[in-house]
Amino acid sequence: MADLLKSVELDPAVRLRYPHELSGGQRQRVGIARAIALEPQLIIADEPTSALDVSVQAAVLDLFLDLQDRLGFACLFITHDLAVIGMASDRVAVMKDGRLVEEGLTDQVLFDPREDYTRRLVTSAPVPDPLQQRARRADRHRL
């Protein structure tokens, strides 16, 4: 168990703590450790960073990517967060009402989407620059 906790960058002493004594990022890492314990070929991660602040999100995603490289499993990320998609995905599938509307390489789908729904989805994501956000909103209203 100690090696498993170390593999997700946790101190093995964490095993002696209760879940409510762990931070959100630590709880997420414990979940990842549980997921990789059986050496799966595929991990399905449903909103794996949704309750984490941005810096912890990045650390958890980096951990996922590192573990994928080391352990060789595939990962299906289910998320509404386009930043997570951009950082962690090679391919993207966009769904609407339970139906696949577009899929392809991440850069193609995020930066040159073919489908109107995907374009609206991408342009609705917030960006830190208020001028860029205003321009995106104007573009979205023209779609």
Protein backbone atom coordinates (compact mmCIF):
# COMPACT_ATOMS: atom_id res chain seq x y z
CA MET A 1 0.00 0.00 0.00
CA ALA A 2 2.85 2.40 0.76
CA ASP A 3 4.20 2.08 -2.79
CA LEU A 4 0.74 2.72 -4.21
CA LEU A 5 0.37 5.92 -2.15
CA LYS A 6 3.86 7.06 -3.14
CA SER A 7 2.99 6.46 -6.80
CA VAL A 8 0.26 9.09 -6.50
CA GLU A 9 2.59 11.46 -4.61
CA LEU A 10 1.08 10.89 -1.16
CA ASP A 11 2.90 10.21 2.08
CA PRO A 12 2.13 6.62 3.16
CA ALA A 13 1.05 8.02 6.56
CA VAL A 14 -2.14 9.19 4.79
CA ARG A 15 -3.47 5.65 5.17
CA LEU A 16 -3.97 6.37 8.88
CA ARG A 17 -6.19 9.40 8.29
CA TYR A 18 -9.95 9.61 7.78
CA PRO A 19 -11.31 10.98 4.50
CA HIS A 20 -12.59 14.17 6.15
CA GLU A 21 -9.02 14.86 7.30
CA LEU A 22 -7.73 14.97 3.71
CA SER A 23 -7.79 17.88 1.30
CA GLY A 24 -9.73 17.61 -1.95
CA GLY A 25 -6.53 16.97 -3.88
CA GLN A 26 -5.43 14.28 -1.44
CA ARG A 27 -8.83 12.57 -1.67
CA GLN A 28 -8.58 12.66 -5.45
CA ARG A 29 -5.12 11.08 -5.30
CA VAL A 30 -6.44 8.32 -3.02
CA GLY A 31 -9.15 7.70 -5.61
CA ILE A 32 -6.53 7.50 -8.34
CA ALA A 33 -4.48 5.07 -6.23
CA ARG A 34 -7.57 2.89 -5.81
CA ALA A 35 -8.18 3.01 -9.56
CA ILE A 36 -4.63 1.94 -10.50
CA ALA A 37 -4.32 -0.71 -7.76
CA LEU A 38 -5.61 -3.46 -10.05
CA GLU A 39 -3.46 -2.36 -13.00
CA PRO A 40 -6.38 -1.58 -15.33
CA GLN A 41 -6.10 -1.09 -19.07
CA LEU A 42 -8.68 1.71 -18.93
CA ILE A 43 -9.69 4.22 -16.27
CA ILE A 44 -12.88 6.22 -16.66
CA ALA A 45 -12.52 9.54 -14.84
CA ASP A 46 -15.83 11.37 -14.48
CA GLU A 47 -15.18 15.05 -13.70
CA PRO A 48 -11.89 14.19 -11.95
CA THR A 49 -10.98 17.80 -11.20
CA SER A 50 -14.37 19.49 -10.80
CA ALA A 51 -14.12 20.22 -7.07
CA LEU A 52 -10.47 21.30 -7.11
CA ASP A 53 -8.88 24.72 -7.42
CA VAL A 54 -6.90 25.44 -10.59
CA SER A 55 -3.42 24.72 -9.20
CA VAL A 56 -4.55 21.40 -7.69
CA GLN A 57 -6.38 20.56 -10.95
CA ALA A 58 -3.13 20.97 -12.87
CA ALA A 59 -1.23 18.78 -10.40
CA VAL A 60 -3.86 16.02 -10.57
CA LEU A 61 -3.90 16.12 -14.38
CA ASP A 62 -0.09 16.01 -14.47
CA LEU A 63 -0.26 12.98 -12.17
CA PHE A 64 -2.78 11.24 -14.45
CA LEU A 65 -0.57 11.88 -17.49
CA ASP A 66 2.56 10.68 -15.68
CA LEU A 67 0.81 7.52 -14.49
CA GLN A 68 -0.50 6.85 -17.99
CA ASP A 69 3.05 7.06 -19.34
CA ARG A 70 4.48 4.84 -16.61
CA LEU A 71 1.68 2.28 -16.33
CA GLY A 72 0.34 2.28 -19.89
CA PHE A 73 -3.40 2.58 -19.25
CA ALA A 74 -5.88 4.52 -21.33
CA CYS A 75 -8.04 7.15 -19.69
CA LEU A 76 -11.47 8.37 -20.67
CA PHE A 77 -12.03 11.81 -19.15
CA ILE A 78 -15.62 12.94 -18.86
CA THR A 79 -15.69 16.68 -18.23
CA HIS A 80 -17.30 19.98 -19.08
CA ASP A 81 -14.04 21.84 -18.47
CA LEU A 82 -12.40 22.70 -21.80
CA ALA A 83 -9.10 23.53 -20.08
CA VAL A 84 -8.97 19.97 -18.72
CA ILE A 85 -9.73 18.63 -22.18
CA GLY A 86 -6.99 20.73 -23.73
CA MET A 87 -4.42 19.63 -21.17
CA ALA A 88 -5.22 15.95 -20.83
CA SER A 89 -6.68 14.71 -24.09
CA ASP A 90 -5.36 13.48 -27.41
CA ARG A 91 -8.86 13.07 -28.82
CA VAL A 92 -12.20 14.65 -27.97
CA ALA A 93 -15.78 13.52 -28.40
CA VAL A 94 -18.53 16.13 -27.98
CA MET A 95 -21.96 14.94 -26.94
CA LYS A 96 -25.30 16.72 -26.92
CA ASP A 97 -28.45 15.17 -25.49
CA GLY A 98 -26.73 11.78 -25.25
CA ARG A 99 -25.72 11.85 -28.92
CA LEU A 100 -22.21 12.16 -30.36
CA VAL A 101 -22.06 15.33 -32.45
CA GLU A 102 -18.33 15.64 -33.15
CA GLU A 103 -15.10 13.79 -32.48
CA GLY A 104 -11.51 14.18 -33.50
CA LEU A 105 -8.06 15.31 -32.46
CA THR A 106 -8.16 17.73 -29.53
CA ASP A 107 -6.66 20.70 -31.39
CA GLN A 108 -8.98 20.23 -34.34
CA VAL A 109 -12.12 20.02 -32.22
CA LEU A 110 -11.19 22.87 -29.86
CA PHE A 111 -9.67 25.28 -32.37
CA ASP A 112 -11.44 24.44 -35.62
CA PRO A 113 -14.71 22.69 -34.79
CA ARG A 114 -16.85 21.45 -37.66
CA GLU A 115 -20.19 21.41 -35.86
CA ASP A 116 -22.18 24.47 -34.84
CA TYR A 117 -22.90 23.04 -31.37
CA THR A 118 -19.17 22.49 -30.75
CA ARG A 119 -18.36 26.03 -31.91
CA ARG A 120 -20.93 27.47 -29.49
CA LEU A 121 -19.61 25.27 -26.69
CA VAL A 122 -16.01 26.34 -27.27
CA THR A 123 -16.84 30.05 -27.54
CA SER A 124 -18.92 29.93 -24.36
CA ALA A 125 -15.93 28.89 -22.23
CA PRO A 126 -14.62 31.80 -20.16
CA VAL A 127 -11.21 33.29 -20.88
CA PRO A 128 -9.25 35.55 -18.53
CA ASP A 129 -8.84 38.46 -20.96
CA PRO A 130 -12.04 40.59 -20.86
CA LEU A 131 -11.45 41.98 -24.37
CA GLN A 132 -11.03 38.50 -25.81
CA GLN A 133 -14.14 37.34 -23.90
CA ARG A 134 -16.16 40.25 -25.33
CA ALA A 135 -15.00 39.42 -28.86
CA ARG A 136 -15.90 35.75 -28.38
CA ARG A 137 -19.37 36.69 -27.16
CA ALA A 138 -19.88 38.89 -30.19
CA ASP A 139 -18.78 36.04 -32.47
CA ARG A 140 -21.10 33.62 -30.67
CA HIS A 141 -24.09 35.89 -31.28
CA ARG A 142 -23.27 35.88 -35.00
CA LEU A 143 -23.36 32.04 -35.15
